[in-house]
PDB file of N, CA and C in Angstrom:
ATOM      1  N   UNK A   1       0.843  -1.159   0.000  1.00  0.00           N
ATOM      2  CA  UNK A   1       0.000   0.000   0.000  1.00  0.00           C
ATOM      3  C   UNK A   1       0.894   1.229   0.000  1.00  0.00           C
ATOM      4  N   UNK A   2       0.523   2.207  -0.777  1.00  0.00           N
ATOM      5  CA  UNK A   2       1.224   3.487  -0.819  1.00  0.00           C
ATOM      6  C   UNK A   2       0.349   4.529  -0.154  1.00  0.00           C
ATOM      7  N   UNK A   3       0.920   5.289   0.744  1.00  0.00           N
ATOM      8  CA  UNK A   3       0.161   6.343   1.410  1.00  0.00           C
ATOM      9  C   UNK A   3       0.911   7.662   1.225  1.00  0.00           C
ATOM     10  N   UNK A   4       0.206   8.641   0.700  1.00  0.00           N
ATOM     11  CA  UNK A   4       0.740   9.990   0.569  1.00  0.00           C
ATOM     12  C   UNK A   4      -0.026  10.845   1.558  1.00  0.00           C
ATOM     13  N   UNK A   5       0.666  11.616   2.346  1.00  0.00           N
ATOM     14  CA  UNK A   5      -0.041  12.368   3.378  1.00  0.00           C
ATOM     15  C   UNK A   5       0.371  13.835   3.398  1.00  0.00           C
ATOM     16  N   UNK A   6      -0.579  14.644   3.753  1.00  0.00           N
ATOM     17  CA  UNK A   6      -0.322  16.064   3.975  1.00  0.00           C
ATOM     18  C   UNK A   6      -1.176  16.494   5.152  1.00  0.00           C
ATOM     19  N   UNK A   7      -0.636  17.302   6.009  1.00  0.00           N
ATOM     20  CA  UNK A   7      -1.393  17.745   7.175  1.00  0.00           C
ATOM     21  C   UNK A   7      -1.587  19.249   7.112  1.00  0.00           C
ATOM     22  N   UNK A   8      -2.690  19.691   7.648  1.00  0.00           N
ATOM     23  CA  UNK A   8      -2.961  21.119   7.697  1.00  0.00           C
ATOM     24  C   UNK A   8      -3.789  21.423   8.913  1.00  0.00           C
ATOM     25  N   UNK A   9      -3.868  22.662   9.241  1.00  0.00           N
ATOM     26  CA  UNK A   9      -4.639  23.071  10.412  1.00  0.00           C
ATOM     27  C   UNK A   9      -5.977  23.640   9.973  1.00  0.00           C
ATOM     28  N   UNK A  10      -7.000  23.312  10.723  1.00  0.00           N
ATOM     29  CA  UNK A  10      -8.296  23.927  10.468  1.00  0.00           C
ATOM     30  C   UNK A  10      -8.543  24.962  11.559  1.00  0.00           C
ATOM     31  N   UNK A  11      -9.792  25.341  11.785  1.00  0.00           N
ATOM     32  CA  UNK A  11     -10.115  26.371  12.766  1.00  0.00           C
ATOM     33  C   UNK A  11      -9.683  26.007  14.179  1.00  0.00           C
ATOM     34  N   UNK A  12      -9.472  24.701  14.449  1.00  0.00           N
ATOM     35  CA  UNK A  12      -9.053  24.282  15.774  1.00  0.00           C
ATOM     36  C   UNK A  12      -7.726  24.912  16.176  1.00  0.00           C
ATOM     37  N   UNK A  13      -6.912  25.320  15.207  1.00  0.00           N
ATOM     38  CA  UNK A  13      -5.576  25.838  15.507  1.00  0.00           C
ATOM     39  C   UNK A  13      -5.623  27.157  16.271  1.00  0.00           C
ATOM     40  N   UNK A  14      -6.763  27.832  16.295  1.00  0.00           N
ATOM     41  CA  UNK A  14      -6.867  29.106  17.000  1.00  0.00           C
ATOM     42  C   UNK A  14      -7.246  28.944  18.465  1.00  0.00           C
ATOM     43  N   UNK A  15      -7.585  27.722  18.870  1.00  0.00           N
ATOM     44  CA  UNK A  15      -7.969  27.478  20.255  1.00  0.00           C
ATOM     45  C   UNK A  15      -6.795  26.894  21.020  1.00  0.00           C
ATOM     46  N   UNK A  16      -6.628  27.311  22.266  1.00  0.00           N
ATOM     47  CA  UNK A  16      -5.573  26.731  23.089  1.00  0.00           C
ATOM     48  C   UNK A  16      -6.043  25.439  23.738  1.00  0.00           C
ATOM     49  N   UNK A  17      -7.357  25.267  23.882  1.00  0.00           N
ATOM     50  CA  UNK A  17      -7.911  24.025  24.405  1.00  0.00           C
ATOM     51  C   UNK A  17      -9.272  23.797  23.765  1.00  0.00           C
ATOM     52  N   UNK A  18      -9.704  22.537  23.696  1.00  0.00           N
ATOM     53  CA  UNK A  18     -10.990  22.269  23.065  1.00  0.00           C
ATOM     54  C   UNK A  18     -12.151  22.769  23.915  1.00  0.00           C
ATOM     55  N   UNK A  19     -13.298  23.061  23.280  1.00  0.00           N
ATOM     56  CA  UNK A  19     -14.472  23.473  24.056  1.00  0.00           C
ATOM     57  C   UNK A  19     -14.857  22.379  25.047  1.00  0.00           C
ATOM     58  N   UNK A  20     -15.588  22.750  26.073  1.00  0.00           N
ATOM     59  CA  UNK A  20     -15.956  21.796  27.124  1.00  0.00           C
ATOM     60  C   UNK A  20     -16.734  20.599  26.589  1.00  0.00           C
ATOM     61  N   UNK A  21     -17.522  20.776  25.527  1.00  0.00           N
ATOM     62  CA  UNK A  21     -18.333  19.683  25.008  1.00  0.00           C
ATOM     63  C   UNK A  21     -17.555  18.743  24.087  1.00  0.00           C
ATOM     64  N   UNK A  22     -16.283  19.054  23.810  1.00  0.00           N
ATOM     65  CA  UNK A  22     -15.466  18.203  22.953  1.00  0.00           C
ATOM     66  C   UNK A  22     -14.330  17.600  23.756  1.00  0.00           C
ATOM     67  N   UNK A  23     -13.931  16.400  23.340  1.00  0.00           N
ATOM     68  CA  UNK A  23     -12.765  15.768  23.936  1.00  0.00           C
ATOM     69  C   UNK A  23     -11.529  16.225  23.168  1.00  0.00           C
ATOM     70  N   UNK A  24     -10.380  16.262  23.805  1.00  0.00           N
ATOM     71  CA  UNK A  24      -9.165  16.620  23.088  1.00  0.00           C
ATOM     72  C   UNK A  24      -8.945  15.664  21.909  1.00  0.00           C
ATOM     73  N   UNK A  25      -8.273  16.157  20.875  1.00  0.00           N
ATOM     74  CA  UNK A  25      -8.009  15.329  19.699  1.00  0.00           C
ATOM     75  C   UNK A  25      -7.198  14.104  20.094  1.00  0.00           C
ATOM     76  N   UNK A  26      -7.566  12.978  19.546  1.00  0.00           N
ATOM     77  CA  UNK A  26      -6.835  11.745  19.753  1.00  0.00           C
ATOM     78  C   UNK A  26      -6.053  11.460  18.488  1.00  0.00           C
ATOM     79  N   UNK A  27      -4.790  11.147  18.619  1.00  0.00           N
ATOM     80  CA  UNK A  27      -3.989  10.857  17.435  1.00  0.00           C
ATOM     81  C   UNK A  27      -4.625   9.745  16.614  1.00  0.00           C
ATOM     82  N   UNK A  28      -4.874  10.048  15.349  1.00  0.00           N
ATOM     83  CA  UNK A  28      -5.378   9.037  14.435  1.00  0.00           C
ATOM     84  C   UNK A  28      -6.871   8.803  14.482  1.00  0.00           C
ATOM     85  N   UNK A  29      -7.633   9.626  15.171  1.00  0.00           N
ATOM     86  CA  UNK A  29      -9.084   9.454  15.209  1.00  0.00           C
ATOM     87  C   UNK A  29      -9.636   9.778  13.817  1.00  0.00           C
ATOM     88  N   UNK A  30     -10.131   8.756  13.112  1.00  0.00           N
ATOM     89  CA  UNK A  30     -10.615   8.930  11.738  1.00  0.00           C
ATOM     90  C   UNK A  30     -11.954   9.647  11.730  1.00  0.00           C
ATOM     91  N   UNK A  31     -12.015  10.722  10.937  1.00  0.00           N
ATOM     92  CA  UNK A  31     -13.242  11.494  10.780  1.00  0.00           C
ATOM     93  C   UNK A  31     -14.031  10.957   9.592  1.00  0.00           C
ATOM     94  N   UNK A  32     -13.332  10.697   8.482  1.00  0.00           N
ATOM     95  CA  UNK A  32     -14.018  10.185   7.300  1.00  0.00           C
ATOM     96  C   UNK A  32     -13.042   9.483   6.353  1.00  0.00           C
ATOM     97  N   UNK A  33     -13.605   8.587   5.542  1.00  0.00           N
ATOM     98  CA  UNK A  33     -12.887   7.933   4.451  1.00  0.00           C
ATOM     99  C   UNK A  33     -13.760   8.136   3.220  1.00  0.00           C
ATOM    100  N   UNK A  34     -13.223   8.868   2.236  1.00  0.00           N
ATOM    101  CA  UNK A  34     -14.006   9.227   1.057  1.00  0.00           C
ATOM    102  C   UNK A  34     -13.379   8.600  -0.181  1.00  0.00           C
ATOM    103  N   UNK A  35     -14.123   7.724  -0.879  1.00  0.00           N
ATOM    104  CA  UNK A  35     -13.589   7.151  -2.117  1.00  0.00           C
ATOM    105  C   UNK A  35     -13.360   8.252  -3.156  1.00  0.00           C
ATOM    106  N   UNK A  36     -12.183   8.236  -3.782  1.00  0.00           N
ATOM    107  CA  UNK A  36     -11.833   9.238  -4.779  1.00  0.00           C
ATOM    108  C   UNK A  36     -11.837   8.615  -6.175  1.00  0.00           C
ATOM    109  N   UNK A  37     -11.315   7.402  -6.294  1.00  0.00           N
ATOM    110  CA  UNK A  37     -11.256   6.723  -7.593  1.00  0.00           C
ATOM    111  C   UNK A  37     -11.228   5.221  -7.370  1.00  0.00           C
ATOM    112  N   UNK A  38     -11.755   4.494  -8.349  1.00  0.00           N
ATOM    113  CA  UNK A  38     -11.719   3.037  -8.340  1.00  0.00           C
ATOM    114  C   UNK A  38     -11.509   2.613  -9.797  1.00  0.00           C
ATOM    115  N   UNK A  39     -10.244   2.388 -10.164  1.00  0.00           N
ATOM    116  CA  UNK A  39      -9.892   2.129 -11.556  1.00  0.00           C
ATOM    117  C   UNK A  39      -9.438   0.691 -11.753  1.00  0.00           C
ATOM    118  N   UNK A  40      -9.950   0.037 -12.789  1.00  0.00           N
ATOM    119  CA  UNK A  40      -9.456  -1.301 -13.108  1.00  0.00           C
ATOM    120  C   UNK A  40      -8.142  -1.167 -13.878  1.00  0.00           C
ATOM    121  N   UNK A  41      -7.510  -2.287 -14.167  1.00  0.00           N
ATOM    122  CA  UNK A  41      -6.191  -2.277 -14.798  1.00  0.00           C
ATOM    123  C   UNK A  41      -6.204  -1.549 -16.148  1.00  0.00           C
ATOM    124  N   UNK A  42      -7.264  -1.696 -16.924  1.00  0.00           N
ATOM    125  CA  UNK A  42      -7.344  -1.019 -18.228  1.00  0.00           C
ATOM    126  C   UNK A  42      -7.428   0.497 -18.058  1.00  0.00           C
ATOM    127  N   UNK A  43      -8.183   0.935 -17.056  1.00  0.00           N
ATOM    128  CA  UNK A  43      -8.318   2.373 -16.813  1.00  0.00           C
ATOM    129  C   UNK A  43      -6.994   2.978 -16.325  1.00  0.00           C
ATOM    130  N   UNK A  44      -6.270   2.237 -15.466  1.00  0.00           N
ATOM    131  CA  UNK A  44      -4.972   2.713 -15.002  1.00  0.00           C
ATOM    132  C   UNK A  44      -4.014   2.821 -16.182  1.00  0.00           C
ATOM    133  N   UNK A  45      -3.974   1.781 -17.025  1.00  0.00           N
ATOM    134  CA  UNK A  45      -3.084   1.773 -18.193  1.00  0.00           C
ATOM    135  C   UNK A  45      -3.396   2.947 -19.121  1.00  0.00           C
ATOM    136  N   UNK A  46      -4.671   3.224 -19.339  1.00  0.00           N
ATOM    137  CA  UNK A  46      -5.057   4.336 -20.215  1.00  0.00           C
ATOM    138  C   UNK A  46      -4.586   5.676 -19.644  1.00  0.00           C
ATOM    139  N   UNK A  47      -4.732   5.870 -18.333  1.00  0.00           N
ATOM    140  CA  UNK A  47      -4.302   7.134 -17.722  1.00  0.00           C
ATOM    141  C   UNK A  47      -2.786   7.277 -17.736  1.00  0.00           C
ATOM    142  N   UNK A  48      -2.091   6.181 -17.498  1.00  0.00           N
ATOM    143  CA  UNK A  48      -0.629   6.202 -17.535  1.00  0.00           C
ATOM    144  C   UNK A  48      -0.150   6.530 -18.950  1.00  0.00           C
ATOM    145  N   UNK A  49      -0.741   5.871 -19.948  1.00  0.00           N
ATOM    146  CA  UNK A  49      -0.369   6.118 -21.339  1.00  0.00           C
ATOM    147  C   UNK A  49      -0.669   7.561 -21.742  1.00  0.00           C
ATOM    148  N   UNK A  50      -1.800   8.093 -21.294  1.00  0.00           N
ATOM    149  CA  UNK A  50      -2.167   9.472 -21.613  1.00  0.00           C
ATOM    150  C   UNK A  50      -1.146  10.465 -21.055  1.00  0.00           C
ATOM    151  N   UNK A  51      -0.506  10.091 -19.953  1.00  0.00           N
ATOM    152  CA  UNK A  51       0.517  10.942 -19.346  1.00  0.00           C
ATOM    153  C   UNK A  51       1.870  10.781 -20.045  1.00  0.00           C
ATOM    154  N   UNK A  52       1.916   9.935 -21.088  1.00  0.00           N
ATOM    155  CA  UNK A  52       3.151   9.744 -21.839  1.00  0.00           C
ATOM    156  C   UNK A  52       4.107   8.735 -21.228  1.00  0.00           C
ATOM    157  N   UNK A  53       3.595   7.888 -20.352  1.00  0.00           N
ATOM    158  CA  UNK A  53       4.420   6.876 -19.687  1.00  0.00           C
ATOM    159  C   UNK A  53       4.088   5.509 -20.284  1.00  0.00           C
ATOM    160  N   UNK A  54       5.122   4.680 -20.444  1.00  0.00           N
ATOM    161  CA  UNK A  54       4.935   3.328 -20.971  1.00  0.00           C
ATOM    162  C   UNK A  54       4.021   2.531 -20.034  1.00  0.00           C
ATOM    163  N   UNK A  55       2.878   2.116 -20.519  1.00  0.00           N
ATOM    164  CA  UNK A  55       1.877   1.438 -19.686  1.00  0.00           C
ATOM    165  C   UNK A  55       1.942  -0.086 -19.798  1.00  0.00           C
ATOM    166  N   UNK A  56       2.950  -0.618 -20.468  1.00  0.00           N
ATOM    167  CA  UNK A  56       3.010  -2.078 -20.663  1.00  0.00           C
ATOM    168  C   UNK A  56       3.250  -2.845 -19.365  1.00  0.00           C
ATOM    169  N   UNK A  57       3.740  -2.190 -18.336  1.00  0.00           N
ATOM    170  CA  UNK A  57       4.010  -2.870 -17.069  1.00  0.00           C
ATOM    171  C   UNK A  57       2.856  -2.777 -16.071  1.00  0.00           C
ATOM    172  N   UNK A  58       1.776  -2.107 -16.427  1.00  0.00           N
ATOM    173  CA  UNK A  58       0.630  -1.983 -15.523  1.00  0.00           C
ATOM    174  C   UNK A  58      -0.015  -3.353 -15.354  1.00  0.00           C
ATOM    175  N   UNK A  59      -0.132  -3.799 -14.101  1.00  0.00           N
ATOM    176  CA  UNK A  59      -0.685  -5.133 -13.812  1.00  0.00           C
ATOM    177  C   UNK A  59      -1.916  -5.102 -12.909  1.00  0.00           C
ATOM    178  N   UNK A  60      -2.142  -3.981 -12.244  1.00  0.00           N
ATOM    179  CA  UNK A  60      -3.220  -3.909 -11.264  1.00  0.00           C
ATOM    180  C   UNK A  60      -4.021  -2.624 -11.413  1.00  0.00           C
ATOM    181  N   UNK A  61      -5.238  -2.670 -10.935  1.00  0.00           N
ATOM    182  CA  UNK A  61      -6.047  -1.475 -10.833  1.00  0.00           C
ATOM    183  C   UNK A  61      -5.684  -0.786  -9.524  1.00  0.00           C
ATOM    184  N   UNK A  62      -6.405   0.263  -9.204  1.00  0.00           N
ATOM    185  CA  UNK A  62      -6.131   0.990  -7.967  1.00  0.00           C
ATOM    186  C   UNK A  62      -7.431   1.587  -7.428  1.00  0.00           C
ATOM    187  N   UNK A  63      -7.510   1.627  -6.128  1.00  0.00           N
ATOM    188  CA  UNK A  63      -8.613   2.318  -5.461  1.00  0.00           C
ATOM    189  C   UNK A  63      -7.976   3.426  -4.641  1.00  0.00           C
ATOM    190  N   UNK A  64      -8.467   4.621  -4.765  1.00  0.00           N
ATOM    191  CA  UNK A  64      -7.922   5.757  -4.015  1.00  0.00           C
ATOM    192  C   UNK A  64      -8.972   6.255  -3.033  1.00  0.00           C
ATOM    193  N   UNK A  65      -8.560   6.421  -1.795  1.00  0.00           N
ATOM    194  CA  UNK A  65      -9.436   6.943  -0.750  1.00  0.00           C
ATOM    195  C   UNK A  65      -8.766   8.139  -0.090  1.00  0.00           C
ATOM    196  N   UNK A  66      -9.555   9.163   0.221  1.00  0.00           N
ATOM    197  CA  UNK A  66      -9.062  10.296   0.999  1.00  0.00           C
ATOM    198  C   UNK A  66      -9.466  10.046   2.442  1.00  0.00           C
ATOM    199  N   UNK A  67      -8.494  10.070   3.334  1.00  0.00           N
ATOM    200  CA  UNK A  67      -8.734   9.813   4.748  1.00  0.00           C
ATOM    201  C   UNK A  67      -8.518  11.114   5.517  1.00  0.00           C
ATOM    202  N   UNK A  68      -9.510  11.505   6.294  1.00  0.00           N
ATOM    203  CA  UNK A  68      -9.422  12.701   7.124  1.00  0.00           C
ATOM    204  C   UNK A  68      -9.432  12.236   8.578  1.00  0.00           C
ATOM    205  N   UNK A  69      -8.482  12.739   9.352  1.00  0.00           N
ATOM    206  CA  UNK A  69      -8.419  12.334  10.755  1.00  0.00           C
ATOM    207  C   UNK A  69      -8.063  13.528  11.640  1.00  0.00           C
ATOM    208  N   UNK A  70      -8.368  13.386  12.905  1.00  0.00           N
ATOM    209  CA  UNK A  70      -8.018  14.389  13.910  1.00  0.00           C
ATOM    210  C   UNK A  70      -6.742  13.922  14.591  1.00  0.00           C
ATOM    211  N   UNK A  71      -5.870  14.859  14.866  1.00  0.00           N
ATOM    212  CA  UNK A  71      -4.639  14.550  15.575  1.00  0.00           C
ATOM    213  C   UNK A  71      -4.148  15.823  16.241  1.00  0.00           C
ATOM    214  N   UNK A  72      -2.925  15.847  16.674  1.00  0.00           N
ATOM    215  CA  UNK A  72      -2.344  17.035  17.283  1.00  0.00           C
ATOM    216  C   UNK A  72      -1.012  17.336  16.611  1.00  0.00           C
ATOM    217  N   UNK A  73      -0.647  18.619  16.575  1.00  0.00           N
ATOM    218  CA  UNK A  73       0.640  18.980  15.986  1.00  0.00           C
ATOM    219  C   UNK A  73       1.744  18.827  17.039  1.00  0.00           C
ATOM    220  N   UNK A  74       2.964  19.215  16.681  1.00  0.00           N
ATOM    221  CA  UNK A  74       4.101  19.028  17.579  1.00  0.00           C
ATOM    222  C   UNK A  74       4.010  19.857  18.859  1.00  0.00           C
ATOM    223  N   UNK A  75       3.108  20.849  18.868  1.00  0.00           N
ATOM    224  CA  UNK A  75       2.904  21.647  20.076  1.00  0.00           C
ATOM    225  C   UNK A  75       1.685  21.178  20.874  1.00  0.00           C
ATOM    226  N   UNK A  76       1.026  20.117  20.385  1.00  0.00           N
ATOM    227  CA  UNK A  76      -0.142  19.595  21.075  1.00  0.00           C
ATOM    228  C   UNK A  76      -1.452  20.229  20.665  1.00  0.00           C
ATOM    229  N   UNK A  77      -1.428  21.112  19.654  1.00  0.00           N
ATOM    230  CA  UNK A  77      -2.655  21.760  19.196  1.00  0.00           C
ATOM    231  C   UNK A  77      -3.435  20.816  18.279  1.00  0.00           C
ATOM    232  N   UNK A  78      -4.772  20.797  18.387  1.00  0.00           N
ATOM    233  CA  UNK A  78      -5.589  19.948  17.512  1.00  0.00           C
ATOM    234  C   UNK A  78      -5.463  20.389  16.049  1.00  0.00           C
ATOM    235  N   UNK A  79      -5.310  19.426  15.158  1.00  0.00           N
ATOM    236  CA  UNK A  79      -5.279  19.697  13.716  1.00  0.00           C
ATOM    237  C   UNK A  79      -6.080  18.618  12.991  1.00  0.00           C
ATOM    238  N   UNK A  80      -6.402  18.903  11.750  1.00  0.00           N
ATOM    239  CA  UNK A  80      -7.028  17.928  10.873  1.00  0.00           C
ATOM    240  C   UNK A  80      -5.971  17.467   9.882  1.00  0.00           C
ATOM    241  N   UNK A  81      -5.746  16.174   9.802  1.00  0.00           N
ATOM    242  CA  UNK A  81      -4.770  15.616   8.863  1.00  0.00           C
ATOM    243  C   UNK A  81      -5.518  14.933   7.734  1.00  0.00           C
ATOM    244  N   UNK A  82      -4.940  15.020   6.535  1.00  0.00           N
ATOM    245  CA  UNK A  82      -5.530  14.369   5.374  1.00  0.00           C
ATOM    246  C   UNK A  82      -4.483  13.482   4.732  1.00  0.00           C
ATOM    247  N   UNK A  83      -4.906  12.314   4.278  1.00  0.00           N
ATOM    248  CA  UNK A  83      -3.997  11.374   3.618  1.00  0.00           C
ATOM    249  C   UNK A  83      -4.726  10.708   2.466  1.00  0.00           C
ATOM    250  N   UNK A  84      -3.952  10.198   1.531  1.00  0.00           N
ATOM    251  CA  UNK A  84      -4.527   9.421   0.431  1.00  0.00           C
ATOM    252  C   UNK A  84      -3.969   8.013   0.524  1.00  0.00           C
ATOM    253  N   UNK A  85      -4.851   7.047   0.442  1.00  0.00           N
ATOM    254  CA  UNK A  85      -4.473   5.646   0.446  1.00  0.00           C
ATOM    255  C   UNK A  85      -4.694   5.128  -0.977  1.00  0.00           C
ATOM    256  N   UNK A  86      -3.656   4.513  -1.557  1.00  0.00           N
ATOM    257  CA  UNK A  86      -3.732   4.044  -2.940  1.00  0.00           C
ATOM    258  C   UNK A  86      -3.325   2.575  -3.053  1.00  0.00           C
ATOM    259  N   UNK A  87      -4.095   1.658  -2.469  1.00  0.00           N
ATOM    260  CA  UNK A  87      -3.732   0.247  -2.596  1.00  0.00           C
ATOM    261  C   UNK A  87      -4.050  -0.283  -4.001  1.00  0.00           C
ATOM    262  N   UNK A  88      -3.191  -1.155  -4.500  1.00  0.00           N
ATOM    263  CA  UNK A  88      -3.460  -1.804  -5.777  1.00  0.00           C
ATOM    264  C   UNK A  88      -4.553  -2.846  -5.614  1.00  0.00           C
ATOM    265  N   UNK A  89      -5.213  -3.174  -6.709  1.00  0.00           N
ATOM    266  CA  UNK A  89      -6.249  -4.229  -6.659  1.00  0.00           C
ATOM    267  C   UNK A  89      -6.234  -4.989  -7.971  1.00  0.00           C
ATOM    268  N   UNK A  90      -6.613  -6.232  -7.919  1.00  0.00           N
ATOM    269  CA  UNK A  90      -6.650  -7.065  -9.125  1.00  0.00           C
ATOM    270  C   UNK A  90      -7.937  -6.879  -9.858  1.00  0.00           C
TER     271      UNK A  90
END
């Protein structure tokens, strides 16, 4: 599985502590998993070829999901992290 990740801060970054009705962010607490793409091997090969890359070695399709989670930054402030999961599939 290949995972590409980028983290950013949302409005939570302006608070020094969470509101009383919320619990502090837990590292890795998943907020959502959103399907982005589900391509079979032919669709992957076509996209690779369209980008000008030799597609003869394409053997698998791919499913891409965007994962949003709550965590904390290096200072302990709540942030929203986003990652993409791109596992291959037959």
